[in-house]
Amino acid sequence: MPSDATTTQHARALVVPRNGDSSVLEVQDTEVRAPREGEVQVAVAAVGVNFIDVYQRQGVYPLPTPFVSCSEGAGTVTAVGPGVSELAVGDRVAWGQGLGAAAEVVNRDVASLVPVPDGVELDVAAAAMLQGMTAHYLVNSTYAVGEGTVALVHAAAGGVGQLLVQMVKAKGGHVVATAGSAEKLAIAKALGADHVINYSDVDDLAAEVRKANGGNGVDVAYDGVGKSTFDASLASLRPRGMMVLFGGASGQVPPFDLQRLNTGGSLFVTRPTLGSYVATRKELLERGTSVLGDIAAGRLAIDIGGRYPLADAARAYDDLEGRRTTGKLLLVP
């Protein structure tokens, strides 16, 4: 049954008033209307910090300003709009897409939400959705990892990187992991990486990757770093290998000559995004429930690297962009 929430309320939110660096971020008092048809209102417990937030804030992914930042979160349903029967007040939900998550209270379309199972805390659910479903589609759909697959995973101690290592290993694959410090390499190794490489210590990263794989190229390169690792990722592939560029933590990759794919051995390159892999309600639920179910069952570990209040959001993004963190960062409204 719909709740009796019919009036607007006020809630603090993290607003991007104009494009720029982290200094433009502002915590503002905003109005939250009652949920409409097909929506629920959610008291937000935690919000995921992601590089897509950076791209949107900078204008790399253009959006009209001002807007409330962030796309990932989890919380408890406090009101339901007309026509909603799938969820009720008190239900715990999480989501990985849809702008405006960084607020104390939000309205969400029911079709965007995944139920959070018992045994998974809301902050863990918030940390798992975008990066968890990203890792899920990367190893199951973009390149179907199987027994014996050799995968290169860059930034293996980061949020997606840690999940990729675990998921590739769970499917019987082998992981060559890269990171920028001994501490981060130790994290990747503890999660099951077969070989680890400190890319800040080598002159020829691709040669080191091939050396780690017995002189051979890898089947797939999962690269969320972008500009600084792209060339090495391509050069690390076996003939007909796949380069999966899913992010640009070091900057966007400039245009390149497609003939390089020919000379590299008929290589494949793809630039996927989560939205294309959760395009239907059915697929969203399959991926989301799979990730959260694995967490609940202890098959998948989520490392929360830091929690920041909304007022410290700029520091959270500076830490993320400066690659000073491991695991997942959260904002706590």
C-alpha atoms as a PDB file:
ATOM      1  CA  MET A   1       0.000   0.000   0.000  1.00  0.00           C
ATOM      2  CA  PRO A   2       1.234   3.513  -0.703  1.00  0.00           C
ATOM      3  CA  SER A   3       2.360   5.496   2.302  1.00  0.00           C
ATOM      4  CA  ASP A   4       0.754   8.760   3.298  1.00  0.00           C
ATOM      5  CA  ALA A   5       3.798  10.787   2.209  1.00  0.00           C
ATOM      6  CA  THR A   6       2.214  13.544   0.165  1.00  0.00           C
ATOM      7  CA  THR A   7       4.319  16.590   0.927  1.00  0.00           C
ATOM      8  CA  THR A   8       7.860  17.616   0.168  1.00  0.00           C
ATOM      9  CA  GLN A   9      10.622  17.391   2.729  1.00  0.00           C
ATOM     10  CA  HIS A  10      14.113  18.804   2.984  1.00  0.00           C
ATOM     11  CA  ALA A  11      17.325  16.805   2.750  1.00  0.00           C
ATOM     12  CA  ARG A  12      21.003  17.574   2.336  1.00  0.00           C
ATOM     13  CA  ALA A  13      22.528  16.622  -1.001  1.00  0.00           C
ATOM     14  CA  LEU A  14      25.907  16.827  -2.762  1.00  0.00           C
ATOM     15  CA  VAL A  15      25.470  19.236  -5.661  1.00  0.00           C
ATOM     16  CA  VAL A  16      27.628  19.951  -8.714  1.00  0.00           C
ATOM     17  CA  PRO A  17      26.746  23.607  -9.461  1.00  0.00           C
ATOM     18  CA  ARG A  18      29.130  23.854 -12.422  1.00  0.00           C
ATOM     19  CA  ASN A  19      31.764  21.716 -14.115  1.00  0.00           C
ATOM     20  CA  GLY A  20      35.205  21.644 -12.569  1.00  0.00           C
ATOM     21  CA  ASP A  21      37.482  19.903 -10.108  1.00  0.00           C
ATOM     22  CA  SER A  22      36.431  18.626  -6.687  1.00  0.00           C
ATOM     23  CA  SER A  23      36.419  22.159  -5.258  1.00  0.00           C
ATOM     24  CA  VAL A  24      33.119  22.929  -7.015  1.00  0.00           C
ATOM     25  CA  LEU A  25      31.210  20.381  -4.915  1.00  0.00           C
ATOM     26  CA  GLU A  26      28.676  21.838  -2.491  1.00  0.00           C
ATOM     27  CA  VAL A  27      26.417  20.323   0.163  1.00  0.00           C
ATOM     28  CA  GLN A  28      23.054  22.031  -0.206  1.00  0.00           C
ATOM     29  CA  ASP A  29      19.629  21.780   1.389  1.00  0.00           C
ATOM     30  CA  THR A  30      17.258  20.417  -1.260  1.00  0.00           C
ATOM     31  CA  GLU A  31      13.558  19.674  -1.523  1.00  0.00           C
ATOM     32  CA  VAL A  32      12.459  16.064  -1.982  1.00  0.00           C
ATOM     33  CA  ARG A  33       8.926  15.607  -3.305  1.00  0.00           C
ATOM     34  CA  ALA A  34       6.693  12.657  -2.492  1.00  0.00           C
ATOM     35  CA  PRO A  35       7.295   9.535  -4.639  1.00  0.00           C
ATOM     36  CA  ARG A  36       5.325   9.385  -7.873  1.00  0.00           C
ATOM     37  CA  GLU A  37       3.861   6.491  -9.846  1.00  0.00           C
ATOM     38  CA  GLY A  38       6.318   3.608  -9.907  1.00  0.00           C
ATOM     39  CA  GLU A  39       8.703   5.218  -7.408  1.00  0.00           C
ATOM     40  CA  VAL A  40       9.731   4.658  -3.817  1.00  0.00           C
ATOM     41  CA  GLN A  41      11.386   7.059  -1.395  1.00  0.00           C
ATOM     42  CA  VAL A  42      14.583   5.826   0.204  1.00  0.00           C
ATOM     43  CA  ALA A  43      16.492   6.953   3.303  1.00  0.00           C
ATOM     44  CA  VAL A  44      20.035   6.624   1.995  1.00  0.00           C
ATOM     45  CA  ALA A  45      22.499   4.706   4.185  1.00  0.00           C
ATOM     46  CA  ALA A  46      25.575   4.940   1.945  1.00  0.00           C
ATOM     47  CA  VAL A  47      26.615   6.194  -1.489  1.00  0.00           C
ATOM     48  CA  GLY A  48      29.303   4.737  -3.751  1.00  0.00           C
ATOM     49  CA  VAL A  49      32.153   6.956  -4.971  1.00  0.00           C
ATOM     50  CA  ASN A  50      33.024   6.191  -8.601  1.00  0.00           C
ATOM     51  CA  PHE A  51      35.023   7.593 -11.489  1.00  0.00           C
ATOM     52  CA  ILE A  52      31.839   8.170 -13.481  1.00  0.00           C
ATOM     53  CA  ASP A  53      31.026  10.862 -10.893  1.00  0.00           C
ATOM     54  CA  VAL A  54      34.328  12.526 -11.760  1.00  0.00           C
ATOM     55  CA  TYR A  55      33.652  12.404 -15.514  1.00  0.00           C
ATOM     56  CA  GLN A  56      30.190  13.908 -14.971  1.00  0.00           C
ATOM     57  CA  ARG A  57      31.506  16.625 -12.665  1.00  0.00           C
ATOM     58  CA  GLN A  58      34.300  17.535 -15.091  1.00  0.00           C
ATOM     59  CA  GLY A  59      31.975  17.597 -18.087  1.00  0.00           C
ATOM     60  CA  VAL A  60      33.665  14.664 -19.857  1.00  0.00           C
ATOM     61  CA  TYR A  61      30.176  13.148 -19.721  1.00  0.00           C
ATOM     62  CA  PRO A  62      28.143  16.342 -20.274  1.00  0.00           C
ATOM     63  CA  LEU A  63      25.146  16.982 -18.023  1.00  0.00           C
ATOM     64  CA  PRO A  64      23.133  20.164 -17.421  1.00  0.00           C
ATOM     65  CA  THR A  65      24.228  21.820 -14.175  1.00  0.00           C
ATOM     66  CA  PRO A  66      23.394  22.025 -11.359  1.00  0.00           C
ATOM     67  CA  PHE A  67      22.788  18.367 -10.505  1.00  0.00           C
ATOM     68  CA  VAL A  68      22.982  16.086  -7.484  1.00  0.00           C
ATOM     69  CA  SER A  69      26.020  13.839  -7.832  1.00  0.00           C
ATOM     70  CA  CYS A  70      26.552  10.070  -7.719  1.00  0.00           C
ATOM     71  CA  SER A  71      24.748   7.092  -9.194  1.00  0.00           C
ATOM     72  CA  GLU A  72      25.141   4.283  -6.661  1.00  0.00           C
ATOM     73  CA  GLY A  73      23.667   3.759  -3.232  1.00  0.00           C
ATOM     74  CA  ALA A  74      21.634   1.717  -0.805  1.00  0.00           C
ATOM     75  CA  GLY A  75      19.070   2.407   1.856  1.00  0.00           C
ATOM     76  CA  THR A  76      15.679   1.652   3.339  1.00  0.00           C
ATOM     77  CA  VAL A  77      12.321   2.339   1.697  1.00  0.00           C
ATOM     78  CA  THR A  78      10.400   4.947   3.705  1.00  0.00           C
ATOM     79  CA  ALA A  79       7.478   5.625   1.346  1.00  0.00           C
ATOM     80  CA  VAL A  80       6.013   4.115  -1.822  1.00  0.00           C
ATOM     81  CA  GLY A  81       4.280   5.857  -4.696  1.00  0.00           C
ATOM     82  CA  PRO A  82       1.040   4.947  -6.452  1.00  0.00           C
ATOM     83  CA  GLY A  83       0.997   1.632  -8.273  1.00  0.00           C
ATOM     84  CA  VAL A  84       3.968   0.161  -6.415  1.00  0.00           C
ATOM     85  CA  SER A  85       3.452  -3.411  -5.245  1.00  0.00           C
ATOM     86  CA  GLU A  86       6.927  -4.898  -5.609  1.00  0.00           C
ATOM     87  CA  LEU A  87       8.390  -3.043  -2.604  1.00  0.00           C
ATOM     88  CA  ALA A  88       7.076  -1.927   0.786  1.00  0.00           C
ATOM     89  CA  VAL A  89       8.120   0.473   3.536  1.00  0.00           C
ATOM     90  CA  GLY A  90      11.021  -1.068   5.450  1.00  0.00           C
ATOM     91  CA  ASP A  91      12.483  -2.994   2.504  1.00  0.00           C
ATOM     92  CA  ARG A  92      16.229  -2.658   1.951  1.00  0.00           C
ATOM     93  CA  VAL A  93      17.296  -1.816  -1.597  1.00  0.00           C
ATOM     94  CA  ALA A  94      20.378  -0.915  -3.604  1.00  0.00           C
ATOM     95  CA  TRP A  95      21.090   0.535  -7.038  1.00  0.00           C
ATOM     96  CA  GLY A  96      24.055   1.118  -9.297  1.00  0.00           C
ATOM     97  CA  GLN A  97      22.810   3.650 -11.828  1.00  0.00           C
ATOM     98  CA  GLY A  98      20.766   6.812 -11.951  1.00  0.00           C
ATOM     99  CA  LEU A  99      21.997  10.274 -11.056  1.00  0.00           C
ATOM    100  CA  GLY A 100      21.208  11.905  -7.726  1.00  0.00           C
ATOM    101  CA  ALA A 101      22.231   9.268  -5.173  1.00  0.00           C
ATOM    102  CA  ALA A 102      24.332  11.546  -2.953  1.00  0.00           C
ATOM    103  CA  ALA A 103      21.563  12.768  -0.690  1.00  0.00           C
ATOM    104  CA  GLU A 104      19.975  11.917   2.622  1.00  0.00           C
ATOM    105  CA  VAL A 105      16.667  11.039   0.941  1.00  0.00           C
ATOM    106  CA  VAL A 106      16.019  10.134  -2.706  1.00  0.00           C
ATOM    107  CA  ASN A 107      13.164   8.993  -4.916  1.00  0.00           C
ATOM    108  CA  ARG A 108      14.023   5.978  -7.054  1.00  0.00           C
ATOM    109  CA  ASP A 109      12.206   4.209  -9.848  1.00  0.00           C
ATOM    110  CA  VAL A 110      11.370   0.702  -8.634  1.00  0.00           C
ATOM    111  CA  ALA A 111      12.720  -0.719 -11.909  1.00  0.00           C
ATOM    112  CA  SER A 112      16.220   0.511 -10.975  1.00  0.00           C
ATOM    113  CA  LEU A 113      16.365  -1.203  -7.576  1.00  0.00           C
ATOM    114  CA  VAL A 114      17.706  -4.557  -6.408  1.00  0.00           C
ATOM    115  CA  PRO A 115      16.564  -6.066  -3.094  1.00  0.00           C
ATOM    116  CA  VAL A 116      19.345  -6.424  -0.524  1.00  0.00           C
ATOM    117  CA  PRO A 117      19.364  -9.923   1.009  1.00  0.00           C
ATOM    118  CA  ASP A 118      19.664 -10.673   4.697  1.00  0.00           C
ATOM    119  CA  GLY A 119      23.275 -10.930   5.746  1.00  0.00           C
ATOM    120  CA  VAL A 120      24.469  -8.022   3.572  1.00  0.00           C
ATOM    121  CA  GLU A 121      24.852  -4.669   5.326  1.00  0.00           C
ATOM    122  CA  LEU A 122      23.585  -1.615   3.458  1.00  0.00           C
ATOM    123  CA  ASP A 123      27.015   0.005   3.224  1.00  0.00           C
ATOM    124  CA  VAL A 124      28.399  -3.185   1.670  1.00  0.00           C
ATOM    125  CA  ALA A 125      25.478  -3.280  -0.770  1.00  0.00           C
ATOM    126  CA  ALA A 126      26.163   0.333  -1.759  1.00  0.00           C
ATOM    127  CA  ALA A 127      29.812  -0.540  -2.290  1.00  0.00           C
ATOM    128  CA  ALA A 128      28.970  -3.570  -4.416  1.00  0.00           C
ATOM    129  CA  MET A 129      26.410  -2.463  -6.961  1.00  0.00           C
ATOM    130  CA  LEU A 130      28.136  -0.465  -9.693  1.00  0.00           C
ATOM    131  CA  GLN A 131      31.552  -2.056  -9.428  1.00  0.00           C
ATOM    132  CA  GLY A 132      30.187  -5.500  -8.624  1.00  0.00           C
ATOM    133  CA  MET A 133      27.853  -5.580 -11.599  1.00  0.00           C
ATOM    134  CA  THR A 134      30.611  -4.072 -13.747  1.00  0.00           C
ATOM    135  CA  ALA A 135      32.994  -6.888 -12.838  1.00  0.00           C
ATOM    136  CA  HIS A 136      30.152  -9.376 -13.330  1.00  0.00           C
ATOM    137  CA  TYR A 137      29.411  -8.339 -16.919  1.00  0.00           C
ATOM    138  CA  LEU A 138      33.104  -8.003 -17.772  1.00  0.00           C
ATOM    139  CA  VAL A 139      33.916 -11.628 -16.882  1.00  0.00           C
ATOM    140  CA  ASN A 140      30.599 -13.189 -17.893  1.00  0.00           C
ATOM    141  CA  SER A 141      29.498 -11.268 -20.965  1.00  0.00           C
ATOM    142  CA  THR A 142      32.097  -8.908 -22.459  1.00  0.00           C
ATOM    143  CA  TYR A 143      34.680 -11.700 -22.386  1.00  0.00           C
ATOM    144  CA  ALA A 144      33.392 -15.003 -21.044  1.00  0.00           C
ATOM    145  CA  VAL A 145      36.170 -16.131 -18.723  1.00  0.00           C
ATOM    146  CA  GLY A 146      36.508 -19.900 -18.366  1.00  0.00           C
ATOM    147  CA  GLU A 147      38.869 -22.566 -17.142  1.00  0.00           C
ATOM    148  CA  GLY A 148      42.411 -21.598 -18.105  1.00  0.00           C
ATOM    149  CA  THR A 149      41.639 -18.065 -19.322  1.00  0.00           C
ATOM    150  CA  VAL A 150      44.574 -15.725 -18.672  1.00  0.00           C
ATOM    151  CA  ALA A 151      43.422 -12.227 -17.764  1.00  0.00           C
ATOM    152  CA  LEU A 152      45.428  -9.059 -17.235  1.00  0.00           C
ATOM    153  CA  VAL A 153      43.812  -6.914 -14.510  1.00  0.00           C
ATOM    154  CA  HIS A 154      45.107  -3.381 -14.082  1.00  0.00           C
ATOM    155  CA  ALA A 155      44.660  -1.469 -10.801  1.00  0.00           C
ATOM    156  CA  ALA A 156      43.963  -4.816  -9.176  1.00  0.00           C
ATOM    157  CA  ALA A 157      43.716  -3.364  -5.663  1.00  0.00           C
ATOM    158  CA  GLY A 158      41.015  -0.891  -6.672  1.00  0.00           C
ATOM    159  CA  GLY A 159      37.293  -1.452  -6.302  1.00  0.00           C
ATOM    160  CA  VAL A 160      36.618  -3.140  -9.655  1.00  0.00           C
ATOM    161  CA  GLY A 161      40.089  -4.671  -9.752  1.00  0.00           C
ATOM    162  CA  GLN A 162      39.638  -6.614  -6.530  1.00  0.00           C
ATOM    163  CA  LEU A 163      36.314  -7.982  -7.747  1.00  0.00           C
ATOM    164  CA  LEU A 164      37.745  -8.923 -11.139  1.00  0.00           C
ATOM    165  CA  VAL A 165      40.560 -10.883  -9.527  1.00  0.00           C
ATOM    166  CA  GLN A 166      38.095 -12.830  -7.391  1.00  0.00           C
ATOM    167  CA  MET A 167      35.628 -13.482 -10.209  1.00  0.00           C
ATOM    168  CA  VAL A 168      38.264 -14.590 -12.721  1.00  0.00           C
ATOM    169  CA  LYS A 169      39.747 -16.980 -10.175  1.00  0.00           C
ATOM    170  CA  ALA A 170      36.300 -18.343  -9.265  1.00  0.00           C
ATOM    171  CA  LYS A 171      35.832 -19.279 -12.934  1.00  0.00           C
ATOM    172  CA  GLY A 172      39.131 -21.140 -13.111  1.00  0.00           C
ATOM    173  CA  GLY A 173      41.088 -18.381 -14.806  1.00  0.00           C
ATOM    174  CA  HIS A 174      44.600 -17.078 -14.172  1.00  0.00           C
ATOM    175  CA  VAL A 175      45.279 -13.456 -13.236  1.00  0.00           C
ATOM    176  CA  VAL A 176      48.235 -11.238 -14.031  1.00  0.00           C
ATOM    177  CA  ALA A 177      47.610  -8.234 -11.791  1.00  0.00           C
ATOM    178  CA  THR A 178      49.193  -4.799 -11.863  1.00  0.00           C
ATOM    179  CA  ALA A 179      49.216  -2.064  -9.229  1.00  0.00           C
ATOM    180  CA  GLY A 180      51.392   0.866  -8.229  1.00  0.00           C
ATOM    181  CA  SER A 181      52.790  -0.156  -4.849  1.00  0.00           C
ATOM    182  CA  ALA A 182      53.925  -3.169  -2.876  1.00  0.00           C
ATOM    183  CA  GLU A 183      50.963  -2.744  -0.520  1.00  0.00           C
ATOM    184  CA  LYS A 184      48.488  -2.853  -3.396  1.00  0.00           C
ATOM    185  CA  LEU A 185      50.234  -5.843  -4.979  1.00  0.00           C
ATOM    186  CA  ALA A 186      49.933  -7.689  -1.668  1.00  0.00           C
ATOM    187  CA  ILE A 187      46.177  -7.087  -1.709  1.00  0.00           C
ATOM    188  CA  ALA A 188      45.861  -8.518  -5.216  1.00  0.00           C
ATOM    189  CA  LYS A 189      47.994 -11.504  -4.283  1.00  0.00           C
ATOM    190  CA  ALA A 190      45.892 -12.197  -1.190  1.00  0.00           C
ATOM    191  CA  LEU A 191      42.769 -12.243  -3.363  1.00  0.00           C
ATOM    192  CA  GLY A 192      44.257 -14.928  -5.580  1.00  0.00           C
ATOM    193  CA  ALA A 193      46.255 -13.175  -8.321  1.00  0.00           C
ATOM    194  CA  ASP A 194      48.762 -15.617  -9.827  1.00  0.00           C
ATOM    195  CA  HIS A 195      51.324 -12.966 -10.810  1.00  0.00           C
ATOM    196  CA  VAL A 196      51.690  -9.352  -9.673  1.00  0.00           C
ATOM    197  CA  ILE A 197      53.568  -6.511 -11.364  1.00  0.00           C
ATOM    198  CA  ASN A 198      54.342  -3.061 -10.003  1.00  0.00           C
ATOM    199  CA  TYR A 199      53.843  -0.944 -13.125  1.00  0.00           C
ATOM    200  CA  SER A 200      55.715   1.979 -11.572  1.00  0.00           C
ATOM    201  CA  ASP A 201      58.888  -0.126 -11.401  1.00  0.00           C
ATOM    202  CA  VAL A 202      59.093  -1.462 -14.979  1.00  0.00           C
ATOM    203  CA  ASP A 203      60.169   0.092 -18.264  1.00  0.00           C
ATOM    204  CA  ASP A 204      58.229  -2.275 -20.526  1.00  0.00           C
ATOM    205  CA  LEU A 205      54.970  -3.318 -18.892  1.00  0.00           C
ATOM    206  CA  ALA A 206      53.811  -5.508 -21.783  1.00  0.00           C
ATOM    207  CA  ALA A 207      57.091  -7.434 -21.717  1.00  0.00           C
ATOM    208  CA  GLU A 208      56.650  -8.063 -17.993  1.00  0.00           C
ATOM    209  CA  VAL A 209      53.077  -9.270 -18.530  1.00  0.00           C
ATOM    210  CA  ARG A 210      54.223 -11.702 -21.216  1.00  0.00           C
ATOM    211  CA  LYS A 211      57.089 -12.867 -19.026  1.00  0.00           C
ATOM    212  CA  ALA A 212      54.627 -13.605 -16.233  1.00  0.00           C
ATOM    213  CA  ASN A 213      52.596 -15.675 -18.713  1.00  0.00           C
ATOM    214  CA  GLY A 214      55.475 -17.828 -19.909  1.00  0.00           C
ATOM    215  CA  GLY A 215      56.303 -15.522 -22.800  1.00  0.00           C
ATOM    216  CA  ASN A 216      52.772 -15.576 -24.201  1.00  0.00           C
ATOM    217  CA  GLY A 217      50.154 -12.903 -24.596  1.00  0.00           C
ATOM    218  CA  VAL A 218      47.077 -12.861 -22.371  1.00  0.00           C
ATOM    219  CA  ASP A 219      43.559 -13.719 -23.544  1.00  0.00           C
ATOM    220  CA  VAL A 220      41.946 -10.565 -22.222  1.00  0.00           C
ATOM    221  CA  ALA A 221      43.118  -7.279 -20.715  1.00  0.00           C
ATOM    222  CA  TYR A 222      40.736  -5.560 -18.297  1.00  0.00           C
ATOM    223  CA  ASP A 223      41.826  -1.934 -18.283  1.00  0.00           C
ATOM    224  CA  GLY A 224      40.065   0.706 -16.209  1.00  0.00           C
ATOM    225  CA  VAL A 225      43.163   2.930 -16.035  1.00  0.00           C
ATOM    226  CA  GLY A 226      43.044   4.103 -19.630  1.00  0.00           C
ATOM    227  CA  LYS A 227      45.524   6.520 -21.148  1.00  0.00           C
ATOM    228  CA  SER A 228      48.668   5.439 -19.280  1.00  0.00           C
ATOM    229  CA  THR A 229      48.158   1.668 -19.706  1.00  0.00           C
ATOM    230  CA  PHE A 230      46.291   1.351 -23.012  1.00  0.00           C
ATOM    231  CA  ASP A 231      49.335   0.772 -25.222  1.00  0.00           C
ATOM    232  CA  ALA A 232      50.789  -1.812 -22.852  1.00  0.00           C
ATOM    233  CA  SER A 233      47.433  -3.572 -22.650  1.00  0.00           C
ATOM    234  CA  LEU A 234      47.237  -3.904 -26.434  1.00  0.00           C
ATOM    235  CA  ALA A 235      50.818  -5.138 -26.600  1.00  0.00           C
ATOM    236  CA  SER A 236      50.116  -7.733 -23.897  1.00  0.00           C
ATOM    237  CA  LEU A 237      47.450  -9.580 -25.894  1.00  0.00           C
ATOM    238  CA  ARG A 238      47.746 -12.880 -27.718  1.00  0.00           C
ATOM    239  CA  PRO A 239      46.534 -12.986 -31.344  1.00  0.00           C
ATOM    240  CA  ARG A 240      42.742 -12.488 -31.388  1.00  0.00           C
ATOM    241  CA  GLY A 241      42.900 -11.365 -27.755  1.00  0.00           C
ATOM    242  CA  MET A 242      40.484  -8.771 -26.403  1.00  0.00           C
ATOM    243  CA  MET A 243      41.268  -5.367 -24.966  1.00  0.00           C
ATOM    244  CA  VAL A 244      38.444  -4.313 -22.605  1.00  0.00           C
ATOM    245  CA  LEU A 245      38.727  -0.605 -21.850  1.00  0.00           C
ATOM    246  CA  PHE A 246      36.111   0.069 -19.174  1.00  0.00           C
ATOM    247  CA  GLY A 247      37.426   3.275 -17.610  1.00  0.00           C
ATOM    248  CA  GLY A 248      39.956   6.081 -17.746  1.00  0.00           C
ATOM    249  CA  ALA A 249      41.391   6.702 -14.291  1.00  0.00           C
ATOM    250  CA  SER A 250      44.579   8.145 -15.829  1.00  0.00           C
ATOM    251  CA  GLY A 251      42.732  10.043 -18.562  1.00  0.00           C
ATOM    252  CA  GLN A 252      40.800   9.272 -21.725  1.00  0.00           C
ATOM    253  CA  VAL A 253      42.508   7.266 -24.472  1.00  0.00           C
ATOM    254  CA  PRO A 254      43.095   9.413 -27.582  1.00  0.00           C
ATOM    255  CA  PRO A 255      42.092   8.200 -31.062  1.00  0.00           C
ATOM    256  CA  PHE A 256      44.398   5.540 -32.439  1.00  0.00           C
ATOM    257  CA  ASP A 257      45.100   3.790 -35.745  1.00  0.00           C
ATOM    258  CA  LEU A 258      42.866   0.724 -36.089  1.00  0.00           C
ATOM    259  CA  GLN A 259      45.582  -0.894 -38.206  1.00  0.00           C
ATOM    260  CA  ARG A 260      47.332  -1.648 -34.900  1.00  0.00           C
ATOM    261  CA  LEU A 261      44.675  -4.284 -34.277  1.00  0.00           C
ATOM    262  CA  ASN A 262      45.674  -5.993 -37.503  1.00  0.00           C
ATOM    263  CA  THR A 263      49.399  -5.963 -36.860  1.00  0.00           C
ATOM    264  CA  GLY A 264      48.858  -7.067 -33.258  1.00  0.00           C
ATOM    265  CA  GLY A 265      47.199 -10.264 -34.449  1.00  0.00           C
ATOM    266  CA  SER A 266      43.559  -9.469 -35.327  1.00  0.00           C
ATOM    267  CA  LEU A 267      42.903  -8.003 -31.901  1.00  0.00           C
ATOM    268  CA  PHE A 268      39.552  -6.917 -30.490  1.00  0.00           C
ATOM    269  CA  VAL A 269      38.916  -3.680 -28.596  1.00  0.00           C
ATOM    270  CA  THR A 270      35.705  -2.790 -26.787  1.00  0.00           C
ATOM    271  CA  ARG A 271      34.641   0.164 -24.650  1.00  0.00           C
ATOM    272  CA  PRO A 272      31.726  -1.213 -22.617  1.00  0.00           C
ATOM    273  CA  THR A 273      29.531   0.505 -20.080  1.00  0.00           C
ATOM    274  CA  LEU A 274      27.272  -0.986 -17.426  1.00  0.00           C
ATOM    275  CA  GLY A 275      24.077   0.485 -18.841  1.00  0.00           C
ATOM    276  CA  SER A 276      24.342  -1.693 -21.932  1.00  0.00           C
ATOM    277  CA  TYR A 277      24.594  -4.805 -19.772  1.00  0.00           C
ATOM    278  CA  VAL A 278      21.660  -4.071 -17.448  1.00  0.00           C
ATOM    279  CA  ALA A 279      19.403  -2.758 -20.199  1.00  0.00           C
ATOM    280  CA  THR A 280      16.411  -4.782 -19.018  1.00  0.00           C
ATOM    281  CA  ARG A 281      14.899  -5.300 -15.574  1.00  0.00           C
ATOM    282  CA  LYS A 282      15.563  -9.028 -15.915  1.00  0.00           C
ATOM    283  CA  GLU A 283      19.281  -8.543 -16.588  1.00  0.00           C
ATOM    284  CA  LEU A 284      19.638  -5.987 -13.787  1.00  0.00           C
ATOM    285  CA  LEU A 285      18.119  -8.396 -11.273  1.00  0.00           C
ATOM    286  CA  GLU A 286      20.204 -11.311 -12.529  1.00  0.00           C
ATOM    287  CA  ARG A 287      23.461  -9.403 -12.144  1.00  0.00           C
ATOM    288  CA  GLY A 288      22.552  -7.562  -8.957  1.00  0.00           C
ATOM    289  CA  THR A 289      21.193 -10.605  -7.127  1.00  0.00           C
ATOM    290  CA  SER A 290      24.159 -12.693  -8.283  1.00  0.00           C
ATOM    291  CA  VAL A 291      26.665 -10.202  -6.848  1.00  0.00           C
ATOM    292  CA  LEU A 292      24.793  -9.632  -3.581  1.00  0.00           C
ATOM    293  CA  GLY A 293      24.121 -13.364  -3.244  1.00  0.00           C
ATOM    294  CA  ASP A 294      27.811 -14.172  -3.586  1.00  0.00           C
ATOM    295  CA  ILE A 295      28.587 -11.591  -0.892  1.00  0.00           C
ATOM    296  CA  ALA A 296      25.934 -13.035   1.424  1.00  0.00           C
ATOM    297  CA  ALA A 297      27.333 -16.543   0.863  1.00  0.00           C
ATOM    298  CA  GLY A 298      30.911 -15.454   1.562  1.00  0.00           C
ATOM    299  CA  ARG A 299      32.083 -16.172  -1.988  1.00  0.00           C
ATOM    300  CA  LEU A 300      32.874 -12.528  -2.773  1.00  0.00           C
ATOM    301  CA  ALA A 301      34.652 -10.056  -0.493  1.00  0.00           C
ATOM    302  CA  ILE A 302      34.069  -6.294  -0.666  1.00  0.00           C
ATOM    303  CA  ASP A 303      36.831  -4.055   0.667  1.00  0.00           C
ATOM    304  CA  ILE A 304      35.560  -0.680   1.843  1.00  0.00           C
ATOM    305  CA  GLY A 305      38.607   1.557   1.747  1.00  0.00           C
ATOM    306  CA  GLY A 306      37.089   4.662   3.306  1.00  0.00           C
ATOM    307  CA  ARG A 307      33.896   6.314   4.519  1.00  0.00           C
ATOM    308  CA  TYR A 308      33.437  10.080   4.209  1.00  0.00           C
ATOM    309  CA  PRO A 309      30.605  12.413   5.295  1.00  0.00           C
ATOM    310  CA  LEU A 310      29.025  14.476   2.510  1.00  0.00           C
ATOM    311  CA  ALA A 311      30.932  17.525   3.729  1.00  0.00           C
ATOM    312  CA  ASP A 312      34.215  15.716   2.990  1.00  0.00           C
ATOM    313  CA  ALA A 313      33.224  14.600  -0.510  1.00  0.00           C
ATOM    314  CA  ALA A 314      35.954  16.684  -2.168  1.00  0.00           C
ATOM    315  CA  ARG A 315      38.580  14.842  -0.115  1.00  0.00           C
ATOM    316  CA  ALA A 316      37.074  11.496  -1.112  1.00  0.00           C
ATOM    317  CA  TYR A 317      37.329  12.355  -4.806  1.00  0.00           C
ATOM    318  CA  ASP A 318      40.832  13.767  -4.441  1.00  0.00           C
ATOM    319  CA  ASP A 319      41.872  10.492  -2.817  1.00  0.00           C
ATOM    320  CA  LEU A 320      40.195   8.501  -5.598  1.00  0.00           C
ATOM    321  CA  GLU A 321      41.631  10.543  -8.450  1.00  0.00           C
ATOM    322  CA  GLY A 322      45.063  10.578  -6.809  1.00  0.00           C
ATOM    323  CA  ARG A 323      44.921   6.761  -6.647  1.00  0.00           C
ATOM    324  CA  ARG A 324      45.778   6.906  -2.960  1.00  0.00           C
ATOM    325  CA  THR A 325      43.157   4.372  -1.983  1.00  0.00           C
ATOM    326  CA  THR A 326      42.374   0.677  -2.202  1.00  0.00           C
ATOM    327  CA  GLY A 327      38.953  -0.905  -2.360  1.00  0.00           C
ATOM    328  CA  LYS A 328      35.734   1.066  -2.435  1.00  0.00           C
ATOM    329  CA  LEU A 329      35.093   4.566  -1.092  1.00  0.00           C
ATOM    330  CA  LEU A 330      31.713   5.552   0.335  1.00  0.00           C
ATOM    331  CA  LEU A 331      29.916   8.762   1.202  1.00  0.00           C
ATOM    332  CA  VAL A 332      27.707   8.510   4.290  1.00  0.00           C
ATOM    333  CA  PRO A 333      24.884  11.101   4.248  1.00  0.00           C
END
